[in-house]
Amino acid sequence: MQINTKQDHTAVVVVDIQADFTQAMQGSLAVGGADQAYLDATETETRRLKSLGYPIYTTQDWHPANHISFFSNHDNTNPYDLIEIEGRQQVLWPPHCVQESPGARILMDESLFTAIVKKGMDPAFDSYSGFFDDRKKETGLADILKGSGIKKLIIYGLATDYCVKATVMDAIMLGFEVTLIKDLCRGVAPESTAAGLEEMKAAGVDIC
């Protein structure tokens, strides 16, 4: 399904289209299928949606070098290990999207965006969602959207099974209606991507 007309009170949220998450840039945490063709498709559609009159927002992972999610900050661990920290589970990732590094760069023309919302800046908490970190501290995205009268969101980006899903589920929890453009998302793993899509669908997300 292609969105061809402007819907009232609707905005677009592009999730984490950043160098470290893409194969095209040989990123440290590259998502399968996030190649140059994918980047071209996302930018083309983002420009088209902007031309229809939609305000476009984006999230940006923006981690300090000592971030809790980096396996290199924990002794005797490997990338993708799952550990427990203060009663919560934490996936350990390769260092990625470090503040001011080339890998944190957004791979789109930043003039497309009404606002860029940074997340994951607290070294002690991960932040998959564009709305909250793991301790439920707000990023400010919800206030920006609600302050602009936004009630519906069109969401796509990286990665389906982590930051996209977390952003979508928090958007639903906050009362937004959500359309997910599946073809403009890529996931870390097939199994978790399929499960994430089912979870979002069950929550009432319109997946197109």
C-alpha atoms as a PDB file:
ATOM      1  CA  MET A   1       0.000   0.000   0.000  1.00  0.00           C
ATOM      2  CA  GLN A   2       1.302   3.461  -0.898  1.00  0.00           C
ATOM      3  CA  ILE A   3       0.229   6.537   1.029  1.00  0.00           C
ATOM      4  CA  ASN A   4      -0.864   9.020  -1.626  1.00  0.00           C
ATOM      5  CA  THR A   5      -2.776  11.716   0.234  1.00  0.00           C
ATOM      6  CA  LYS A   6      -2.083  13.820   3.284  1.00  0.00           C
ATOM      7  CA  GLN A   7      -3.840  12.554   6.393  1.00  0.00           C
ATOM      8  CA  ASP A   8      -4.745  15.126   9.027  1.00  0.00           C
ATOM      9  CA  HIS A   9      -2.863  15.137  12.344  1.00  0.00           C
ATOM     10  CA  THR A  10      -0.341  12.621  10.966  1.00  0.00           C
ATOM     11  CA  ALA A  11       3.457  12.672  11.069  1.00  0.00           C
ATOM     12  CA  VAL A  12       6.248  10.394   9.895  1.00  0.00           C
ATOM     13  CA  VAL A  13       8.864   8.994  12.294  1.00  0.00           C
ATOM     14  CA  VAL A  14      11.997   7.558  10.664  1.00  0.00           C
ATOM     15  CA  VAL A  15      13.878   5.316  13.087  1.00  0.00           C
ATOM     16  CA  ASP A  16      17.685   5.248  13.264  1.00  0.00           C
ATOM     17  CA  ILE A  17      18.769   5.334   9.614  1.00  0.00           C
ATOM     18  CA  GLN A  18      22.396   5.655  10.710  1.00  0.00           C
ATOM     19  CA  ALA A  19      25.706   4.520   9.272  1.00  0.00           C
ATOM     20  CA  ASP A  20      26.522   1.926  11.937  1.00  0.00           C
ATOM     21  CA  PHE A  21      23.254   0.080  11.265  1.00  0.00           C
ATOM     22  CA  THR A  22      23.797  -0.289   7.510  1.00  0.00           C
ATOM     23  CA  GLN A  23      25.654  -2.684   5.273  1.00  0.00           C
ATOM     24  CA  ALA A  24      26.072   0.127   2.784  1.00  0.00           C
ATOM     25  CA  MET A  25      28.406   1.923   5.221  1.00  0.00           C
ATOM     26  CA  GLN A  26      29.934  -1.302   6.599  1.00  0.00           C
ATOM     27  CA  GLY A  27      28.558  -0.349   9.984  1.00  0.00           C
ATOM     28  CA  SER A  28      29.653  -1.982  13.223  1.00  0.00           C
ATOM     29  CA  LEU A  29      26.095  -3.244  13.818  1.00  0.00           C
ATOM     30  CA  ALA A  30      24.933  -3.549  10.216  1.00  0.00           C
ATOM     31  CA  VAL A  31      21.413  -4.913   9.717  1.00  0.00           C
ATOM     32  CA  GLY A  32      20.923  -7.468   6.950  1.00  0.00           C
ATOM     33  CA  GLY A  33      19.389  -5.920   3.856  1.00  0.00           C
ATOM     34  CA  ALA A  34      20.251  -2.351   4.869  1.00  0.00           C
ATOM     35  CA  ASP A  35      22.189  -1.843   1.651  1.00  0.00           C
ATOM     36  CA  GLN A  36      22.399   1.120  -0.704  1.00  0.00           C
ATOM     37  CA  ALA A  37      19.171   0.134  -2.445  1.00  0.00           C
ATOM     38  CA  TYR A  38      17.401   0.225   0.917  1.00  0.00           C
ATOM     39  CA  LEU A  39      18.849   3.646   1.736  1.00  0.00           C
ATOM     40  CA  ASP A  40      17.790   4.968  -1.659  1.00  0.00           C
ATOM     41  CA  ALA A  41      14.254   3.630  -1.174  1.00  0.00           C
ATOM     42  CA  THR A  42      13.869   5.152   2.292  1.00  0.00           C
ATOM     43  CA  GLU A  43      15.126   8.545   1.191  1.00  0.00           C
ATOM     44  CA  THR A  44      12.917   8.535  -1.914  1.00  0.00           C
ATOM     45  CA  GLU A  45       9.821   7.704   0.120  1.00  0.00           C
ATOM     46  CA  THR A  46      10.703  10.193   2.840  1.00  0.00           C
ATOM     47  CA  ARG A  47      11.029  12.941   0.248  1.00  0.00           C
ATOM     48  CA  ARG A  48       7.723  11.901  -1.316  1.00  0.00           C
ATOM     49  CA  LEU A  49       5.905  11.952   2.019  1.00  0.00           C
ATOM     50  CA  LYS A  50       7.383  15.365   2.806  1.00  0.00           C
ATOM     51  CA  SER A  51       6.196  16.619  -0.584  1.00  0.00           C
ATOM     52  CA  LEU A  52       2.671  15.523   0.381  1.00  0.00           C
ATOM     53  CA  GLY A  53       2.888  17.776   3.409  1.00  0.00           C
ATOM     54  CA  TYR A  54       3.782  15.378   6.218  1.00  0.00           C
ATOM     55  CA  PRO A  55       6.087  16.623   8.971  1.00  0.00           C
ATOM     56  CA  ILE A  56       9.036  14.229   9.208  1.00  0.00           C
ATOM     57  CA  TYR A  57      10.803  13.382  12.465  1.00  0.00           C
ATOM     58  CA  THR A  58      13.718  11.044  13.025  1.00  0.00           C
ATOM     59  CA  THR A  59      15.385   9.309  15.947  1.00  0.00           C
ATOM     60  CA  GLN A  60      19.138   9.020  16.336  1.00  0.00           C
ATOM     61  CA  ASP A  61      21.066   6.626  18.558  1.00  0.00           C
ATOM     62  CA  TRP A  62      23.635   8.837  20.308  1.00  0.00           C
ATOM     63  CA  HIS A  63      25.623   6.768  22.776  1.00  0.00           C
ATOM     64  CA  PRO A  64      28.521   7.796  25.007  1.00  0.00           C
ATOM     65  CA  ALA A  65      31.603   5.604  24.591  1.00  0.00           C
ATOM     66  CA  ASN A  66      31.007   4.019  28.023  1.00  0.00           C
ATOM     67  CA  HIS A  67      27.456   2.934  27.202  1.00  0.00           C
ATOM     68  CA  ILE A  68      26.087  -0.056  29.096  1.00  0.00           C
ATOM     69  CA  SER A  69      25.014  -1.865  25.915  1.00  0.00           C
ATOM     70  CA  PHE A  70      28.561  -2.191  24.533  1.00  0.00           C
ATOM     71  CA  PHE A  71      30.066  -5.624  25.160  1.00  0.00           C
ATOM     72  CA  SER A  72      33.488  -3.958  25.307  1.00  0.00           C
ATOM     73  CA  ASN A  73      32.453  -2.236  28.537  1.00  0.00           C
ATOM     74  CA  HIS A  74      31.891  -5.581  30.324  1.00  0.00           C
ATOM     75  CA  ASP A  75      34.596  -8.068  31.251  1.00  0.00           C
ATOM     76  CA  ASN A  76      34.549 -11.562  29.750  1.00  0.00           C
ATOM     77  CA  THR A  77      31.631 -10.946  27.391  1.00  0.00           C
ATOM     78  CA  ASN A  78      31.056 -11.192  23.667  1.00  0.00           C
ATOM     79  CA  PRO A  79      28.819  -9.372  21.199  1.00  0.00           C
ATOM     80  CA  TYR A  80      25.173 -10.464  21.445  1.00  0.00           C
ATOM     81  CA  ASP A  81      25.542 -11.994  24.917  1.00  0.00           C
ATOM     82  CA  LEU A  82      22.476 -11.530  27.121  1.00  0.00           C
ATOM     83  CA  ILE A  83      23.271 -10.489  30.685  1.00  0.00           C
ATOM     84  CA  GLU A  84      21.277  -9.252  33.666  1.00  0.00           C
ATOM     85  CA  ILE A  85      21.898  -5.794  35.085  1.00  0.00           C
ATOM     86  CA  GLU A  86      19.987  -4.672  38.163  1.00  0.00           C
ATOM     87  CA  GLY A  87      17.140  -7.058  37.429  1.00  0.00           C
ATOM     88  CA  ARG A  88      16.733  -6.227  33.741  1.00  0.00           C
ATOM     89  CA  GLN A  89      18.032  -8.111  30.742  1.00  0.00           C
ATOM     90  CA  GLN A  90      20.568  -6.397  28.517  1.00  0.00           C
ATOM     91  CA  VAL A  91      21.710  -7.504  25.088  1.00  0.00           C
ATOM     92  CA  LEU A  92      25.360  -6.645  24.568  1.00  0.00           C
ATOM     93  CA  TRP A  93      26.115  -5.068  21.216  1.00  0.00           C
ATOM     94  CA  PRO A  94      29.271  -4.082  19.382  1.00  0.00           C
ATOM     95  CA  PRO A  95      30.034  -0.405  20.051  1.00  0.00           C
ATOM     96  CA  HIS A  96      27.844   1.635  17.722  1.00  0.00           C
ATOM     97  CA  CYS A  97      26.538   5.147  17.120  1.00  0.00           C
ATOM     98  CA  VAL A  98      29.046   6.704  19.480  1.00  0.00           C
ATOM     99  CA  GLN A  99      28.454  10.420  19.874  1.00  0.00           C
ATOM    100  CA  GLU A 100      30.190  12.534  17.209  1.00  0.00           C
ATOM    101  CA  SER A 101      31.506   9.429  15.402  1.00  0.00           C
ATOM    102  CA  PRO A 102      30.980   8.775  11.659  1.00  0.00           C
ATOM    103  CA  GLY A 103      28.928   5.700  12.581  1.00  0.00           C
ATOM    104  CA  ALA A 104      26.322   7.836  14.329  1.00  0.00           C
ATOM    105  CA  ARG A 105      25.669   9.885  11.185  1.00  0.00           C
ATOM    106  CA  ILE A 106      22.119   9.988   9.834  1.00  0.00           C
ATOM    107  CA  LEU A 107      22.182   8.813   6.217  1.00  0.00           C
ATOM    108  CA  MET A 108      19.564  11.216   4.928  1.00  0.00           C
ATOM    109  CA  ASP A 109      19.412  14.882   4.094  1.00  0.00           C
ATOM    110  CA  GLU A 110      18.809  16.345   7.546  1.00  0.00           C
ATOM    111  CA  SER A 111      16.871  19.249   6.050  1.00  0.00           C
ATOM    112  CA  LEU A 112      14.010  16.753   5.548  1.00  0.00           C
ATOM    113  CA  PHE A 113      13.390  16.590   9.284  1.00  0.00           C
ATOM    114  CA  THR A 114      11.260  18.834  11.435  1.00  0.00           C
ATOM    115  CA  ALA A 115      13.235  17.539  14.433  1.00  0.00           C
ATOM    116  CA  ILE A 116      15.965  15.015  15.212  1.00  0.00           C
ATOM    117  CA  VAL A 117      15.413  13.279  18.562  1.00  0.00           C
ATOM    118  CA  LYS A 118      18.544  11.764  20.095  1.00  0.00           C
ATOM    119  CA  LYS A 119      18.300   8.714  22.345  1.00  0.00           C
ATOM    120  CA  GLY A 120      20.531   6.386  24.355  1.00  0.00           C
ATOM    121  CA  MET A 121      22.600   9.198  25.835  1.00  0.00           C
ATOM    122  CA  ASP A 122      22.514   7.913  29.438  1.00  0.00           C
ATOM    123  CA  PRO A 123      25.465   5.517  29.828  1.00  0.00           C
ATOM    124  CA  ALA A 124      23.535   3.387  32.337  1.00  0.00           C
ATOM    125  CA  PHE A 125      20.400   2.656  30.275  1.00  0.00           C
ATOM    126  CA  ASP A 126      19.677   1.364  26.798  1.00  0.00           C
ATOM    127  CA  SER A 127      17.097   3.121  24.649  1.00  0.00           C
ATOM    128  CA  TYR A 128      15.570   1.172  21.790  1.00  0.00           C
ATOM    129  CA  SER A 129      12.400   3.250  21.740  1.00  0.00           C
ATOM    130  CA  GLY A 130      12.288   6.718  20.292  1.00  0.00           C
ATOM    131  CA  PHE A 131      10.058   7.732  23.211  1.00  0.00           C
ATOM    132  CA  PHE A 132      11.673   6.335  26.382  1.00  0.00           C
ATOM    133  CA  ASP A 133      14.862   4.716  27.594  1.00  0.00           C
ATOM    134  CA  ASP A 134      14.853   1.520  29.656  1.00  0.00           C
ATOM    135  CA  ARG A 135      14.129   3.402  32.878  1.00  0.00           C
ATOM    136  CA  LYS A 136      11.204   5.192  31.151  1.00  0.00           C
ATOM    137  CA  LYS A 137      12.912   8.559  30.954  1.00  0.00           C
ATOM    138  CA  GLU A 138      11.323  10.455  28.081  1.00  0.00           C
ATOM    139  CA  THR A 139      13.314  11.505  25.026  1.00  0.00           C
ATOM    140  CA  GLY A 140      10.985  14.430  24.330  1.00  0.00           C
ATOM    141  CA  LEU A 141       9.512  12.953  21.140  1.00  0.00           C
ATOM    142  CA  ALA A 142       6.036  12.509  22.616  1.00  0.00           C
ATOM    143  CA  ASP A 143       5.896  16.128  23.755  1.00  0.00           C
ATOM    144  CA  ILE A 144       7.032  17.358  20.344  1.00  0.00           C
ATOM    145  CA  LEU A 145       4.383  15.319  18.530  1.00  0.00           C
ATOM    146  CA  LYS A 146       1.521  16.069  20.891  1.00  0.00           C
ATOM    147  CA  GLY A 147       2.480  19.728  20.989  1.00  0.00           C
ATOM    148  CA  SER A 148       2.045  19.775  17.222  1.00  0.00           C
ATOM    149  CA  GLY A 149      -1.381  18.120  17.403  1.00  0.00           C
ATOM    150  CA  ILE A 150      -0.154  14.810  15.973  1.00  0.00           C
ATOM    151  CA  LYS A 151      -2.419  11.825  16.587  1.00  0.00           C
ATOM    152  CA  LYS A 152      -1.290   9.335  13.926  1.00  0.00           C
ATOM    153  CA  LEU A 153       2.192   8.140  13.005  1.00  0.00           C
ATOM    154  CA  ILE A 154       3.730   6.530   9.950  1.00  0.00           C
ATOM    155  CA  ILE A 155       6.857   4.682  11.120  1.00  0.00           C
ATOM    156  CA  TYR A 156       9.721   2.885   9.375  1.00  0.00           C
ATOM    157  CA  GLY A 157      13.467   2.370   9.746  1.00  0.00           C
ATOM    158  CA  LEU A 158      15.981   0.196  11.583  1.00  0.00           C
ATOM    159  CA  ALA A 159      15.728  -2.307  13.034  1.00  0.00           C
ATOM    160  CA  THR A 160      12.299  -3.939  12.847  1.00  0.00           C
ATOM    161  CA  ASP A 161      12.762  -6.236  15.827  1.00  0.00           C
ATOM    162  CA  TYR A 162      14.393  -3.727  18.174  1.00  0.00           C
ATOM    163  CA  CYS A 163      14.198   0.054  17.816  1.00  0.00           C
ATOM    164  CA  VAL A 164      11.317   0.104  15.343  1.00  0.00           C
ATOM    165  CA  LYS A 165       9.222  -2.299  17.404  1.00  0.00           C
ATOM    166  CA  ALA A 166       9.975  -0.493  20.674  1.00  0.00           C
ATOM    167  CA  THR A 167       9.095   2.864  19.130  1.00  0.00           C
ATOM    168  CA  VAL A 168       5.862   1.500  17.640  1.00  0.00           C
ATOM    169  CA  MET A 169       4.752  -0.199  20.850  1.00  0.00           C
ATOM    170  CA  ASP A 170       5.421   2.899  22.930  1.00  0.00           C
ATOM    171  CA  ALA A 171       3.544   5.007  20.374  1.00  0.00           C
ATOM    172  CA  ILE A 172       0.517   2.726  20.769  1.00  0.00           C
ATOM    173  CA  MET A 173       0.821   2.896  24.556  1.00  0.00           C
ATOM    174  CA  LEU A 174       0.864   6.691  24.339  1.00  0.00           C
ATOM    175  CA  GLY A 175      -2.353   6.698  22.335  1.00  0.00           C
ATOM    176  CA  PHE A 176      -1.103   7.272  18.796  1.00  0.00           C
ATOM    177  CA  GLU A 177      -2.517   5.375  15.841  1.00  0.00           C
ATOM    178  CA  VAL A 178       0.353   3.759  13.945  1.00  0.00           C
ATOM    179  CA  THR A 179       0.971   2.640  10.378  1.00  0.00           C
ATOM    180  CA  LEU A 180       4.189   0.663   9.853  1.00  0.00           C
ATOM    181  CA  ILE A 181       5.686   0.584   6.348  1.00  0.00           C
ATOM    182  CA  LYS A 182       7.195  -2.904   6.522  1.00  0.00           C
ATOM    183  CA  ASP A 183       9.076  -2.708   3.231  1.00  0.00           C
ATOM    184  CA  LEU A 184      11.054   0.252   4.555  1.00  0.00           C
ATOM    185  CA  CYS A 185      12.193  -1.691   7.629  1.00  0.00           C
ATOM    186  CA  ARG A 186      14.937  -4.259   8.052  1.00  0.00           C
ATOM    187  CA  GLY A 187      15.399  -6.597  11.019  1.00  0.00           C
ATOM    188  CA  VAL A 188      18.362  -8.023  12.912  1.00  0.00           C
ATOM    189  CA  ALA A 189      17.170 -11.662  12.782  1.00  0.00           C
ATOM    190  CA  PRO A 190      14.364 -13.397  10.856  1.00  0.00           C
ATOM    191  CA  GLU A 191      12.776 -15.030  13.910  1.00  0.00           C
ATOM    192  CA  SER A 192      12.667 -11.934  16.087  1.00  0.00           C
ATOM    193  CA  THR A 193      11.558  -9.825  13.133  1.00  0.00           C
ATOM    194  CA  ALA A 194       8.609 -12.131  12.429  1.00  0.00           C
ATOM    195  CA  ALA A 195       7.703 -12.185  16.123  1.00  0.00           C
ATOM    196  CA  GLY A 196       7.976  -8.404  16.314  1.00  0.00           C
ATOM    197  CA  LEU A 197       5.665  -7.910  13.351  1.00  0.00           C
ATOM    198  CA  GLU A 198       3.100 -10.241  14.928  1.00  0.00           C
ATOM    199  CA  GLU A 199       3.334  -8.370  18.239  1.00  0.00           C
ATOM    200  CA  MET A 200       2.798  -5.049  16.517  1.00  0.00           C
ATOM    201  CA  LYS A 201      -0.116  -6.364  14.468  1.00  0.00           C
ATOM    202  CA  ALA A 202      -1.762  -7.769  17.609  1.00  0.00           C
ATOM    203  CA  ALA A 203      -1.419  -4.323  19.221  1.00  0.00           C
ATOM    204  CA  GLY A 204      -3.487  -2.801  16.439  1.00  0.00           C
ATOM    205  CA  VAL A 205      -0.751  -1.473  14.181  1.00  0.00           C
ATOM    206  CA  ASP A 206      -1.663  -1.113  10.508  1.00  0.00           C
ATOM    207  CA  ILE A 207       1.187  -2.914   8.711  1.00  0.00           C
ATOM    208  CA  CYS A 208       1.500  -2.117   5.035  1.00  0.00           C
END
